[in-house]
Amino acid sequence: MRKTYPSDITREQFETIRPILELVRKKTKPRTIDLYDVVCGVLYVLKTGCQWRALPHEYPTCSTTYAYFQKWSEEKEGKESVIGQILKKISWRGATVQWTDRANKHGHR
């Protein structure tokens, strides 16, 4: 059991967004990490504004978490990004929209 952080969502909230996250995945091989931990890691960075490399060790590696964030941040054919959809679905509060937009435009890490 890992340490919990204020930015973490509940497992119940996660189950409401799991179908959205599963649509992004290419079914090539079984996933070896818990998507819940990845989502909580992304939310931690969005909430704290820390660098990806400063992500606590309780979460998946910074490179793994960042790779998922990049994939979920992609907008396709005028549709809202997956990260935007899940933030709305869990009623996330914070200035994350501007941050994710900036990351997409400038390729910040």
N, C-alpha and C. Protein backbone atom coordinates (compact mmCIF):
# COMPACT_ATOMS: atom_id res chain seq x y z
N MET A 1 0.84 -1.18 0.00
CA MET A 1 0.00 0.00 0.00
C MET A 1 0.88 1.24 0.00
N ARG A 2 0.64 2.15 -0.92
CA ARG A 2 1.47 3.34 -1.00
C ARG A 2 0.90 4.47 -0.16
N LYS A 3 1.74 5.45 0.10
CA LYS A 3 1.32 6.63 0.84
C LYS A 3 0.28 7.40 0.01
N THR A 4 -0.70 7.99 0.66
CA THR A 4 -1.70 8.77 -0.07
C THR A 4 -1.36 10.25 0.00
N TYR A 5 -1.79 10.98 -1.02
CA TYR A 5 -1.55 12.41 -1.12
C TYR A 5 -2.88 13.12 -1.33
N PRO A 6 -2.97 14.41 -0.95
CA PRO A 6 -4.22 15.14 -1.12
C PRO A 6 -4.73 15.20 -2.57
N SER A 7 -3.84 15.06 -3.52
CA SER A 7 -4.23 15.12 -4.93
C SER A 7 -4.83 13.80 -5.43
N ASP A 8 -4.69 12.72 -4.65
CA ASP A 8 -5.21 11.41 -5.07
C ASP A 8 -6.74 11.43 -5.15
N ILE A 9 -7.26 10.65 -6.09
CA ILE A 9 -8.71 10.46 -6.19
C ILE A 9 -9.04 9.11 -5.55
N THR A 10 -10.30 8.89 -5.30
CA THR A 10 -10.72 7.61 -4.72
C THR A 10 -10.76 6.55 -5.82
N ARG A 11 -10.76 5.31 -5.40
CA ARG A 11 -10.89 4.20 -6.36
C ARG A 11 -12.24 4.27 -7.07
N GLU A 12 -13.27 4.74 -6.37
CA GLU A 12 -14.59 4.87 -6.98
C GLU A 12 -14.57 5.91 -8.10
N GLN A 13 -13.91 7.05 -7.85
CA GLN A 13 -13.77 8.06 -8.90
C GLN A 13 -12.98 7.50 -10.07
N PHE A 14 -11.94 6.73 -9.76
CA PHE A 14 -11.14 6.15 -10.82
C PHE A 14 -11.95 5.21 -11.70
N GLU A 15 -12.81 4.42 -11.08
CA GLU A 15 -13.62 3.48 -11.86
C GLU A 15 -14.56 4.20 -12.82
N THR A 16 -14.95 5.44 -12.52
CA THR A 16 -15.80 6.20 -13.43
C THR A 16 -15.03 6.70 -14.65
N ILE A 17 -13.71 6.87 -14.50
CA ILE A 17 -12.91 7.36 -15.64
C ILE A 17 -12.13 6.25 -16.35
N ARG A 18 -12.09 5.07 -15.77
CA ARG A 18 -11.34 3.96 -16.38
C ARG A 18 -11.73 3.70 -17.84
N PRO A 19 -13.04 3.68 -18.18
CA PRO A 19 -13.40 3.41 -19.59
C PRO A 19 -12.80 4.44 -20.56
N ILE A 20 -12.71 5.69 -20.15
CA ILE A 20 -12.12 6.72 -21.01
C ILE A 20 -10.64 6.43 -21.23
N LEU A 21 -9.96 6.04 -20.17
CA LEU A 21 -8.52 5.75 -20.26
C LEU A 21 -8.25 4.50 -21.08
N GLU A 22 -9.11 3.51 -20.97
CA GLU A 22 -8.91 2.26 -21.70
C GLU A 22 -9.07 2.45 -23.21
N LEU A 23 -9.83 3.46 -23.64
CA LEU A 23 -10.00 3.71 -25.07
C LEU A 23 -8.72 4.17 -25.74
N VAL A 24 -7.82 4.78 -24.97
CA VAL A 24 -6.58 5.32 -25.52
C VAL A 24 -5.55 4.22 -25.76
N ARG A 25 -5.63 3.18 -25.00
CA ARG A 25 -4.61 2.13 -25.01
C ARG A 25 -4.64 1.26 -26.25
N LYS A 26 -3.44 1.02 -26.78
CA LYS A 26 -3.30 0.02 -27.84
C LYS A 26 -3.14 -1.33 -27.15
N LYS A 27 -3.88 -2.29 -27.59
CA LYS A 27 -3.86 -3.61 -26.94
C LYS A 27 -2.72 -4.46 -27.52
N THR A 28 -1.50 -4.17 -27.09
CA THR A 28 -0.36 -4.92 -27.59
C THR A 28 0.14 -5.96 -26.61
N LYS A 29 0.21 -5.58 -25.35
CA LYS A 29 0.64 -6.53 -24.33
C LYS A 29 0.00 -6.14 -23.00
N PRO A 30 -0.04 -7.04 -22.04
CA PRO A 30 -0.67 -6.72 -20.76
C PRO A 30 0.04 -5.57 -20.05
N ARG A 31 -0.74 -4.71 -19.42
CA ARG A 31 -0.18 -3.59 -18.67
C ARG A 31 0.43 -4.12 -17.39
N THR A 32 1.61 -3.62 -17.04
CA THR A 32 2.30 -4.09 -15.84
C THR A 32 2.20 -3.11 -14.68
N ILE A 33 1.61 -1.94 -14.90
CA ILE A 33 1.45 -0.96 -13.83
C ILE A 33 -0.02 -0.71 -13.57
N ASP A 34 -0.31 -0.18 -12.41
CA ASP A 34 -1.68 0.14 -12.03
C ASP A 34 -2.02 1.53 -12.57
N LEU A 35 -3.01 1.61 -13.45
CA LEU A 35 -3.41 2.89 -14.03
C LEU A 35 -3.84 3.89 -12.97
N TYR A 36 -4.41 3.40 -11.89
CA TYR A 36 -4.82 4.28 -10.79
C TYR A 36 -3.62 5.08 -10.29
N ASP A 37 -2.49 4.42 -10.10
CA ASP A 37 -1.29 5.09 -9.63
C ASP A 37 -0.78 6.11 -10.65
N VAL A 38 -0.90 5.80 -11.93
CA VAL A 38 -0.48 6.73 -12.97
C VAL A 38 -1.35 7.98 -12.93
N VAL A 39 -2.67 7.79 -12.86
CA VAL A 39 -3.59 8.92 -12.81
C VAL A 39 -3.29 9.78 -11.59
N CYS A 40 -3.11 9.16 -10.45
CA CYS A 40 -2.81 9.92 -9.23
C CYS A 40 -1.47 10.65 -9.35
N GLY A 41 -0.51 10.05 -10.03
CA GLY A 41 0.77 10.71 -10.26
C GLY A 41 0.62 11.94 -11.14
N VAL A 42 -0.16 11.83 -12.19
CA VAL A 42 -0.43 12.98 -13.07
C VAL A 42 -1.14 14.07 -12.28
N LEU A 43 -2.13 13.70 -11.49
CA LEU A 43 -2.86 14.69 -10.69
C LEU A 43 -1.95 15.35 -9.67
N TYR A 44 -1.00 14.61 -9.12
CA TYR A 44 -0.04 15.18 -8.17
C TYR A 44 0.77 16.29 -8.84
N VAL A 45 1.27 16.02 -10.04
CA VAL A 45 2.06 17.02 -10.75
C VAL A 45 1.20 18.23 -11.11
N LEU A 46 -0.02 17.99 -11.57
CA LEU A 46 -0.91 19.09 -11.91
C LEU A 46 -1.26 19.93 -10.69
N LYS A 47 -1.46 19.29 -9.57
CA LYS A 47 -1.85 20.00 -8.34
C LYS A 47 -0.69 20.78 -7.75
N THR A 48 0.49 20.16 -7.69
CA THR A 48 1.63 20.79 -7.02
C THR A 48 2.44 21.68 -7.95
N GLY A 49 2.40 21.37 -9.24
CA GLY A 49 3.22 22.13 -10.19
C GLY A 49 4.68 21.72 -10.15
N CYS A 50 4.98 20.59 -9.51
CA CYS A 50 6.36 20.15 -9.41
C CYS A 50 6.86 19.63 -10.76
N GLN A 51 8.16 19.48 -10.87
CA GLN A 51 8.74 18.89 -12.07
C GLN A 51 8.43 17.40 -12.07
N TRP A 52 8.40 16.82 -13.27
CA TRP A 52 8.11 15.39 -13.37
C TRP A 52 9.13 14.56 -12.60
N ARG A 53 10.37 14.99 -12.62
CA ARG A 53 11.41 14.23 -11.92
C ARG A 53 11.28 14.32 -10.40
N ALA A 54 10.47 15.26 -9.90
CA ALA A 54 10.26 15.40 -8.46
C ALA A 54 9.05 14.60 -7.99
N LEU A 55 8.49 13.80 -8.87
CA LEU A 55 7.33 12.97 -8.52
C LEU A 55 7.74 11.98 -7.42
N PRO A 56 6.97 11.90 -6.33
CA PRO A 56 7.35 10.97 -5.24
C PRO A 56 7.49 9.53 -5.75
N HIS A 57 8.32 8.78 -5.07
CA HIS A 57 8.63 7.42 -5.49
C HIS A 57 7.47 6.44 -5.33
N GLU A 58 6.42 6.85 -4.63
CA GLU A 58 5.25 5.97 -4.49
C GLU A 58 4.50 5.80 -5.80
N TYR A 59 4.69 6.73 -6.72
CA TYR A 59 4.04 6.68 -8.02
C TYR A 59 4.93 5.94 -9.01
N PRO A 60 4.39 5.56 -10.18
CA PRO A 60 5.25 4.97 -11.21
C PRO A 60 6.36 5.97 -11.58
N THR A 61 7.37 5.51 -12.27
CA THR A 61 8.49 6.38 -12.61
C THR A 61 8.03 7.64 -13.33
N CYS A 62 8.84 8.69 -13.23
CA CYS A 62 8.46 9.96 -13.85
C CYS A 62 8.33 9.80 -15.37
N SER A 63 9.18 9.00 -15.98
CA SER A 63 9.10 8.84 -17.44
C SER A 63 7.82 8.10 -17.85
N THR A 64 7.43 7.11 -17.07
CA THR A 64 6.19 6.39 -17.36
C THR A 64 4.98 7.30 -17.18
N THR A 65 4.94 8.01 -16.07
CA THR A 65 3.82 8.90 -15.78
C THR A 65 3.73 10.00 -16.83
N TYR A 66 4.87 10.57 -17.19
CA TYR A 66 4.89 11.63 -18.21
C TYR A 66 4.44 11.10 -19.57
N ALA A 67 4.85 9.89 -19.92
CA ALA A 67 4.45 9.31 -21.21
C ALA A 67 2.93 9.15 -21.28
N TYR A 68 2.32 8.69 -20.20
CA TYR A 68 0.85 8.59 -20.16
C TYR A 68 0.22 9.97 -20.25
N PHE A 69 0.78 10.95 -19.53
CA PHE A 69 0.25 12.32 -19.58
C PHE A 69 0.29 12.86 -21.01
N GLN A 70 1.40 12.65 -21.70
CA GLN A 70 1.53 13.10 -23.09
C GLN A 70 0.46 12.46 -23.97
N LYS A 71 0.28 11.16 -23.83
CA LYS A 71 -0.70 10.44 -24.63
C LYS A 71 -2.11 10.94 -24.33
N TRP A 72 -2.41 11.13 -23.05
CA TRP A 72 -3.75 11.58 -22.66
C TRP A 72 -3.99 13.04 -23.01
N SER A 73 -2.94 13.83 -23.24
CA SER A 73 -3.08 15.26 -23.54
C SER A 73 -3.32 15.54 -25.02
N GLU A 74 -3.15 14.54 -25.85
CA GLU A 74 -3.32 14.73 -27.30
C GLU A 74 -4.78 15.03 -27.64
N GLU A 75 -4.98 16.02 -28.49
CA GLU A 75 -6.32 16.33 -28.99
C GLU A 75 -6.40 15.79 -30.42
N LYS A 76 -7.46 15.09 -30.72
CA LYS A 76 -7.62 14.51 -32.05
C LYS A 76 -8.92 14.96 -32.68
N GLU A 77 -8.83 15.42 -33.90
CA GLU A 77 -9.99 15.79 -34.70
C GLU A 77 -10.96 16.71 -33.95
N GLY A 78 -10.42 17.72 -33.29
CA GLY A 78 -11.25 18.68 -32.60
C GLY A 78 -11.90 18.19 -31.33
N LYS A 79 -11.59 16.96 -30.92
CA LYS A 79 -12.16 16.42 -29.68
C LYS A 79 -11.30 16.84 -28.49
N GLU A 80 -11.94 16.94 -27.35
CA GLU A 80 -11.22 17.29 -26.13
C GLU A 80 -10.25 16.17 -25.76
N SER A 81 -9.12 16.54 -25.19
CA SER A 81 -8.12 15.55 -24.79
C SER A 81 -8.69 14.66 -23.68
N VAL A 82 -8.10 13.50 -23.53
CA VAL A 82 -8.53 12.56 -22.50
C VAL A 82 -8.32 13.18 -21.12
N ILE A 83 -7.21 13.88 -20.93
CA ILE A 83 -6.96 14.49 -19.62
C ILE A 83 -8.04 15.53 -19.31
N GLY A 84 -8.46 16.27 -20.30
CA GLY A 84 -9.54 17.24 -20.11
C GLY A 84 -10.85 16.56 -19.75
N GLN A 85 -11.13 15.45 -20.41
CA GLN A 85 -12.36 14.69 -20.12
C GLN A 85 -12.36 14.14 -18.70
N ILE A 86 -11.23 13.58 -18.28
CA ILE A 86 -11.23 12.97 -16.95
C ILE A 86 -11.24 14.03 -15.85
N LEU A 87 -10.60 15.17 -16.10
CA LEU A 87 -10.63 16.24 -15.09
C LEU A 87 -12.04 16.75 -14.88
N LYS A 88 -12.81 16.84 -15.97
CA LYS A 88 -14.21 17.25 -15.84
C LYS A 88 -15.03 16.18 -15.13
N LYS A 89 -14.79 14.94 -15.49
CA LYS A 89 -15.58 13.83 -14.93
C LYS A 89 -15.40 13.70 -13.42
N ILE A 90 -14.18 13.97 -12.92
CA ILE A 90 -13.94 13.86 -11.48
C ILE A 90 -14.12 15.20 -10.77
N SER A 91 -14.58 16.21 -11.51
CA SER A 91 -14.80 17.57 -10.96
C SER A 91 -13.52 18.13 -10.33
N TRP A 92 -12.43 18.01 -11.07
CA TRP A 92 -11.13 18.49 -10.61
C TRP A 92 -11.15 20.00 -10.52
N ARG A 93 -10.64 20.53 -9.44
CA ARG A 93 -10.56 21.97 -9.26
C ARG A 93 -9.10 22.39 -9.29
N GLY A 94 -8.81 23.42 -10.04
CA GLY A 94 -7.45 23.93 -10.11
C GLY A 94 -7.16 24.56 -11.45
N ALA A 95 -6.02 25.17 -11.54
CA ALA A 95 -5.63 25.88 -12.76
C ALA A 95 -4.89 24.94 -13.71
N THR A 96 -5.43 23.77 -13.92
CA THR A 96 -4.72 22.77 -14.73
C THR A 96 -4.95 22.96 -16.22
N VAL A 97 -6.04 23.59 -16.60
CA VAL A 97 -6.33 23.75 -18.03
C VAL A 97 -5.24 24.57 -18.69
N GLN A 98 -4.86 25.68 -18.06
CA GLN A 98 -3.81 26.50 -18.63
C GLN A 98 -2.49 25.76 -18.67
N TRP A 99 -2.20 25.00 -17.62
CA TRP A 99 -0.94 24.29 -17.55
C TRP A 99 -0.85 23.22 -18.62
N THR A 100 -1.92 22.45 -18.81
CA THR A 100 -1.88 21.39 -19.81
C THR A 100 -1.85 21.98 -21.21
N ASP A 101 -2.54 23.10 -21.44
CA ASP A 101 -2.48 23.76 -22.73
C ASP A 101 -1.07 24.23 -23.03
N ARG A 102 -0.41 24.81 -22.03
CA ARG A 102 0.95 25.31 -22.22
C ARG A 102 1.90 24.15 -22.53
N ALA A 103 1.75 23.05 -21.84
CA ALA A 103 2.61 21.89 -22.06
C ALA A 103 2.44 21.36 -23.47
N ASN A 104 1.20 21.37 -23.98
CA ASN A 104 0.96 20.88 -25.33
C ASN A 104 1.56 21.79 -26.37
N LYS A 105 1.48 23.10 -26.16
CA LYS A 105 1.98 24.05 -27.16
C LYS A 105 3.50 24.12 -27.19
N HIS A 106 4.11 24.03 -26.01
CA HIS A 106 5.55 24.25 -25.94
C HIS A 106 6.38 22.99 -25.69
N GLY A 107 5.72 21.87 -25.50
CA GLY A 107 6.43 20.62 -25.29
C GLY A 107 7.20 20.58 -23.99
N HIS A 108 6.72 21.30 -22.95
CA HIS A 108 7.40 21.33 -21.67
C HIS A 108 7.36 19.98 -21.01
N ARG A 109 8.40 19.72 -20.27
CA ARG A 109 8.49 18.47 -19.55
C ARG A 109 8.47 18.71 -18.11
